Amino acid sequence: MQTVILVIHLLIALGLVGVILMQRSEGGALGMGGGGGGGGGFMTGRGAADLLTRTTGILATGFFITSMVLAILASKSGESTSILDQGAAPITTPTAPAEPAAPVAK
């Protein structure tokens, strides 16, 4: 189940990147600060009804939903693997190194 949702999540992420890169740049700052359209061009009629904008919103919603589902599934996946939950390791004293062997005379 988790693997299927992860694959869907990755496909949505790739689609989201592609759709965002296909959109036309408005010159930075969300189109604010100049241009026609009365309101600065931020939410013009063209921008609100654009197919790429709607597709971006749909993919972003899917991305957030799959992110939440994956987080919920990960939190319910059994034991914690935190090192803080394992307890302290027993303390052992280091042993002295063995004496080197005497060189063999030839």
N, C-alpha and C. Protein backbone atom coordinates (compact mmCIF):
# COMPACT_ATOMS: atom_id res chain seq x y z
N MET A 1 0.83 -1.20 0.00
CA MET A 1 0.00 0.00 0.00
C MET A 1 0.87 1.26 0.00
N GLN A 2 1.87 1.24 0.89
CA GLN A 2 2.73 2.41 1.00
C GLN A 2 3.55 2.61 -0.27
N THR A 3 3.96 1.53 -0.90
CA THR A 3 4.75 1.63 -2.12
C THR A 3 3.92 2.21 -3.26
N VAL A 4 2.67 1.81 -3.36
CA VAL A 4 1.79 2.32 -4.42
C VAL A 4 1.58 3.82 -4.25
N ILE A 5 1.33 4.25 -3.03
CA ILE A 5 1.12 5.68 -2.78
C ILE A 5 2.41 6.45 -3.03
N LEU A 6 3.56 5.87 -2.70
CA LEU A 6 4.83 6.53 -2.96
C LEU A 6 5.08 6.70 -4.45
N VAL A 7 4.74 5.70 -5.24
CA VAL A 7 4.90 5.81 -6.70
C VAL A 7 3.97 6.89 -7.25
N ILE A 8 2.74 6.92 -6.79
CA ILE A 8 1.79 7.97 -7.21
C ILE A 8 2.32 9.34 -6.81
N HIS A 9 2.86 9.44 -5.61
CA HIS A 9 3.41 10.70 -5.11
C HIS A 9 4.55 11.19 -6.01
N LEU A 10 5.44 10.28 -6.39
CA LEU A 10 6.55 10.66 -7.26
C LEU A 10 6.08 11.07 -8.65
N LEU A 11 5.08 10.38 -9.19
CA LEU A 11 4.54 10.76 -10.50
C LEU A 11 3.89 12.14 -10.45
N ILE A 12 3.17 12.41 -9.37
CA ILE A 12 2.56 13.73 -9.21
C ILE A 12 3.64 14.80 -9.11
N ALA A 13 4.72 14.51 -8.37
CA ALA A 13 5.80 15.48 -8.23
C ALA A 13 6.46 15.77 -9.58
N LEU A 14 6.68 14.73 -10.37
CA LEU A 14 7.27 14.95 -11.70
C LEU A 14 6.32 15.74 -12.60
N GLY A 15 5.03 15.41 -12.55
CA GLY A 15 4.05 16.16 -13.33
C GLY A 15 3.97 17.62 -12.90
N LEU A 16 4.07 17.85 -11.60
CA LEU A 16 4.02 19.22 -11.07
C LEU A 16 5.22 20.03 -11.55
N VAL A 17 6.39 19.42 -11.54
CA VAL A 17 7.58 20.12 -12.04
C VAL A 17 7.42 20.44 -13.51
N GLY A 18 6.93 19.48 -14.29
CA GLY A 18 6.74 19.71 -15.72
C GLY A 18 5.75 20.81 -16.02
N VAL A 19 4.62 20.81 -15.32
CA VAL A 19 3.59 21.83 -15.55
C VAL A 19 4.09 23.21 -15.14
N ILE A 20 4.83 23.28 -14.05
CA ILE A 20 5.35 24.58 -13.61
C ILE A 20 6.37 25.11 -14.61
N LEU A 21 7.20 24.22 -15.14
CA LEU A 21 8.20 24.67 -16.11
C LEU A 21 7.58 25.08 -17.45
N MET A 22 6.40 24.57 -17.78
CA MET A 22 5.75 24.93 -19.04
C MET A 22 5.05 26.28 -18.96
N GLN A 23 4.79 26.78 -17.76
CA GLN A 23 4.07 28.03 -17.63
C GLN A 23 4.92 29.20 -18.10
N ARG A 24 4.23 30.20 -18.59
CA ARG A 24 4.88 31.39 -19.10
C ARG A 24 5.31 32.28 -17.95
N SER A 25 6.53 32.78 -18.01
CA SER A 25 7.05 33.64 -16.96
C SER A 25 6.44 35.03 -17.12
N GLU A 26 6.08 35.62 -16.00
CA GLU A 26 5.49 36.96 -16.01
C GLU A 26 6.51 38.03 -15.66
N GLY A 27 7.76 37.67 -15.48
CA GLY A 27 8.77 38.67 -15.19
C GLY A 27 9.08 38.82 -13.72
N GLY A 28 8.71 37.89 -12.90
CA GLY A 28 9.07 37.91 -11.48
C GLY A 28 8.04 38.59 -10.62
N ALA A 29 8.11 38.32 -9.35
CA ALA A 29 7.24 38.90 -8.31
C ALA A 29 5.77 38.68 -8.61
N LEU A 30 5.41 37.52 -9.10
CA LEU A 30 4.02 37.15 -9.38
C LEU A 30 3.31 38.14 -10.30
N GLY A 31 4.03 38.77 -11.17
CA GLY A 31 3.43 39.69 -12.12
C GLY A 31 3.10 41.04 -11.55
N MET A 32 3.51 41.33 -10.33
CA MET A 32 3.19 42.60 -9.71
C MET A 32 4.16 43.68 -10.18
N GLY A 33 3.74 44.90 -10.06
CA GLY A 33 4.62 46.02 -10.33
C GLY A 33 4.69 46.44 -11.77
N GLY A 34 3.59 46.58 -12.40
CA GLY A 34 3.61 47.08 -13.77
C GLY A 34 2.73 46.24 -14.67
N GLY A 35 2.71 46.63 -15.92
CA GLY A 35 1.89 45.91 -16.88
C GLY A 35 0.45 46.39 -16.85
N GLY A 36 -0.28 46.00 -17.85
CA GLY A 36 -1.68 46.41 -17.92
C GLY A 36 -2.56 45.48 -17.12
N GLY A 37 -3.83 45.59 -17.33
CA GLY A 37 -4.77 44.71 -16.66
C GLY A 37 -5.41 45.30 -15.43
N GLY A 38 -5.15 46.53 -15.13
CA GLY A 38 -5.82 47.18 -14.02
C GLY A 38 -5.23 46.82 -12.67
N GLY A 39 -5.23 45.56 -12.31
CA GLY A 39 -4.76 45.15 -10.99
C GLY A 39 -3.31 44.74 -10.97
N GLY A 40 -2.55 45.12 -11.94
CA GLY A 40 -1.14 44.76 -11.95
C GLY A 40 -0.87 43.42 -12.59
N GLY A 41 -1.88 42.75 -13.07
CA GLY A 41 -1.68 41.48 -13.76
C GLY A 41 -1.59 40.28 -12.86
N PHE A 42 -1.84 40.43 -11.57
CA PHE A 42 -1.72 39.29 -10.67
C PHE A 42 -2.82 38.27 -10.90
N MET A 43 -4.07 38.67 -10.85
CA MET A 43 -5.19 37.74 -11.07
C MET A 43 -6.05 38.25 -12.21
N THR A 44 -5.50 38.27 -13.38
CA THR A 44 -6.28 38.69 -14.55
C THR A 44 -7.20 37.56 -14.96
N GLY A 45 -8.09 37.86 -15.90
CA GLY A 45 -9.01 36.83 -16.39
C GLY A 45 -8.28 35.68 -17.04
N ARG A 46 -7.20 35.99 -17.74
CA ARG A 46 -6.43 34.94 -18.39
C ARG A 46 -5.72 34.07 -17.37
N GLY A 47 -5.17 34.69 -16.32
CA GLY A 47 -4.41 33.93 -15.32
C GLY A 47 -5.30 33.04 -14.48
N ALA A 48 -6.52 33.50 -14.17
CA ALA A 48 -7.40 32.72 -13.32
C ALA A 48 -7.99 31.52 -14.05
N ALA A 49 -8.17 31.61 -15.34
CA ALA A 49 -8.84 30.55 -16.08
C ALA A 49 -7.87 29.71 -16.91
N ASP A 50 -6.60 29.91 -16.75
CA ASP A 50 -5.62 29.20 -17.57
C ASP A 50 -5.60 27.71 -17.22
N LEU A 51 -5.49 26.89 -18.23
CA LEU A 51 -5.48 25.44 -18.03
C LEU A 51 -4.28 25.01 -17.21
N LEU A 52 -3.12 25.60 -17.46
CA LEU A 52 -1.93 25.21 -16.71
C LEU A 52 -2.04 25.59 -15.24
N THR A 53 -2.70 26.70 -14.97
CA THR A 53 -2.90 27.11 -13.58
C THR A 53 -3.80 26.14 -12.86
N ARG A 54 -4.87 25.72 -13.50
CA ARG A 54 -5.78 24.74 -12.89
C ARG A 54 -5.07 23.40 -12.69
N THR A 55 -4.30 23.00 -13.69
CA THR A 55 -3.58 21.73 -13.59
C THR A 55 -2.56 21.79 -12.45
N THR A 56 -1.90 22.92 -12.30
CA THR A 56 -0.95 23.08 -11.20
C THR A 56 -1.66 22.96 -9.86
N GLY A 57 -2.81 23.57 -9.72
CA GLY A 57 -3.57 23.49 -8.48
C GLY A 57 -4.02 22.07 -8.16
N ILE A 58 -4.47 21.36 -9.18
CA ILE A 58 -4.92 19.98 -8.97
C ILE A 58 -3.74 19.09 -8.57
N LEU A 59 -2.61 19.23 -9.27
CA LEU A 59 -1.45 18.43 -8.94
C LEU A 59 -0.89 18.78 -7.56
N ALA A 60 -0.92 20.06 -7.21
CA ALA A 60 -0.45 20.47 -5.88
C ALA A 60 -1.33 19.88 -4.79
N THR A 61 -2.64 19.86 -5.01
CA THR A 61 -3.55 19.27 -4.05
C THR A 61 -3.28 17.77 -3.91
N GLY A 62 -3.08 17.09 -5.02
CA GLY A 62 -2.74 15.67 -4.97
C GLY A 62 -1.42 15.42 -4.26
N PHE A 63 -0.45 16.31 -4.47
CA PHE A 63 0.85 16.18 -3.81
C PHE A 63 0.70 16.30 -2.30
N PHE A 64 -0.09 17.28 -1.84
CA PHE A 64 -0.28 17.45 -0.40
C PHE A 64 -1.04 16.28 0.21
N ILE A 65 -2.04 15.78 -0.50
CA ILE A 65 -2.82 14.65 0.02
C ILE A 65 -1.95 13.41 0.14
N THR A 66 -1.17 13.11 -0.91
CA THR A 66 -0.31 11.93 -0.83
C THR A 66 0.79 12.11 0.22
N SER A 67 1.26 13.34 0.42
CA SER A 67 2.24 13.59 1.48
C SER A 67 1.66 13.29 2.85
N MET A 68 0.43 13.74 3.08
CA MET A 68 -0.21 13.48 4.37
C MET A 68 -0.47 11.99 4.58
N VAL A 69 -0.92 11.30 3.54
CA VAL A 69 -1.19 9.86 3.66
C VAL A 69 0.10 9.11 3.95
N LEU A 70 1.19 9.47 3.27
CA LEU A 70 2.47 8.81 3.53
C LEU A 70 2.96 9.08 4.95
N ALA A 71 2.75 10.29 5.45
CA ALA A 71 3.16 10.61 6.82
C ALA A 71 2.35 9.80 7.84
N ILE A 72 1.05 9.66 7.59
CA ILE A 72 0.21 8.88 8.49
C ILE A 72 0.60 7.41 8.46
N LEU A 73 0.84 6.88 7.27
CA LEU A 73 1.25 5.48 7.17
C LEU A 73 2.61 5.24 7.82
N ALA A 74 3.51 6.18 7.71
CA ALA A 74 4.83 6.03 8.32
C ALA A 74 4.75 6.07 9.84
N SER A 75 3.83 6.85 10.37
CA SER A 75 3.71 6.95 11.82
C SER A 75 3.08 5.70 12.43
N LYS A 76 2.34 4.93 11.64
CA LYS A 76 1.68 3.73 12.15
C LYS A 76 2.42 2.45 11.75
N SER A 77 3.66 2.57 11.33
CA SER A 77 4.37 1.41 10.80
C SER A 77 5.13 0.63 11.86
N GLY A 78 4.56 0.43 13.02
CA GLY A 78 5.17 -0.45 14.01
C GLY A 78 6.16 0.23 14.92
N GLU A 79 7.31 -0.45 15.12
CA GLU A 79 8.30 0.00 16.08
C GLU A 79 9.04 1.25 15.64
N SER A 80 9.47 2.00 16.63
CA SER A 80 10.30 3.16 16.37
C SER A 80 11.74 2.70 16.21
N THR A 81 12.45 3.31 15.31
CA THR A 81 13.85 2.95 15.11
C THR A 81 14.77 4.03 15.64
N SER A 82 14.30 4.80 16.59
CA SER A 82 15.09 5.87 17.16
C SER A 82 16.18 5.29 18.06
N ILE A 83 17.35 5.88 18.04
CA ILE A 83 18.42 5.41 18.91
C ILE A 83 18.15 5.76 20.36
N LEU A 84 17.27 6.73 20.60
CA LEU A 84 16.95 7.10 21.97
C LEU A 84 16.07 6.05 22.63
N ASP A 85 15.32 5.27 21.85
CA ASP A 85 14.45 4.24 22.40
C ASP A 85 15.19 2.94 22.70
N GLN A 86 16.42 2.78 22.26
CA GLN A 86 17.13 1.51 22.41
C GLN A 86 17.76 1.35 23.78
N GLY A 87 17.99 2.38 24.51
CA GLY A 87 18.62 2.26 25.82
C GLY A 87 20.13 2.37 25.69
N ALA A 88 20.77 2.35 26.86
CA ALA A 88 22.22 2.51 26.88
C ALA A 88 22.90 1.19 26.59
N ALA A 89 24.01 1.26 25.89
CA ALA A 89 24.81 0.07 25.61
C ALA A 89 25.68 -0.22 26.82
N PRO A 90 25.99 -1.49 27.08
CA PRO A 90 26.85 -1.80 28.23
C PRO A 90 28.26 -1.24 28.02
N ILE A 91 28.83 -0.76 29.12
CA ILE A 91 30.16 -0.17 29.05
C ILE A 91 31.19 -1.28 29.21
N THR A 92 32.10 -1.36 28.29
CA THR A 92 33.17 -2.36 28.38
C THR A 92 34.49 -1.64 28.46
N THR A 93 35.41 -2.21 29.22
CA THR A 93 36.73 -1.61 29.32
C THR A 93 37.59 -2.17 28.20
N PRO A 94 38.38 -1.32 27.60
CA PRO A 94 39.23 -1.83 26.52
C PRO A 94 40.32 -2.74 27.08
N THR A 95 40.62 -3.76 26.35
CA THR A 95 41.68 -4.69 26.77
C THR A 95 43.01 -4.20 26.22
N ALA A 96 44.05 -4.54 26.92
CA ALA A 96 45.39 -4.14 26.49
C ALA A 96 45.75 -4.90 25.23
N PRO A 97 46.47 -4.28 24.34
CA PRO A 97 46.86 -5.00 23.12
C PRO A 97 47.83 -6.13 23.46
N ALA A 98 47.80 -7.16 22.67
CA ALA A 98 48.68 -8.31 22.90
C ALA A 98 50.12 -7.89 22.68
N GLU A 99 51.01 -8.56 23.41
CA GLU A 99 52.43 -8.27 23.26
C GLU A 99 52.87 -8.71 21.87
N PRO A 100 53.69 -7.89 21.21
CA PRO A 100 54.16 -8.31 19.90
C PRO A 100 55.06 -9.51 20.01
N ALA A 101 55.00 -10.35 19.02
CA ALA A 101 55.84 -11.53 19.01
C ALA A 101 57.28 -11.13 18.75
N ALA A 102 58.19 -11.90 19.30
CA ALA A 102 59.61 -11.62 19.10
C ALA A 102 59.97 -11.90 17.64
N PRO A 103 60.81 -11.08 17.07
CA PRO A 103 61.18 -11.31 15.67
C PRO A 103 61.94 -12.65 15.54
N VAL A 104 61.69 -13.30 14.47
CA VAL A 104 62.32 -14.58 14.21
C VAL A 104 63.65 -14.33 13.52
N ALA A 105 64.73 -14.85 14.09
CA ALA A 105 66.04 -14.68 13.50
C ALA A 105 66.26 -15.73 12.43
N LYS A 106 66.82 -15.34 11.32
CA LYS A 106 67.06 -16.27 10.22
C LYS A 106 68.51 -16.57 10.08
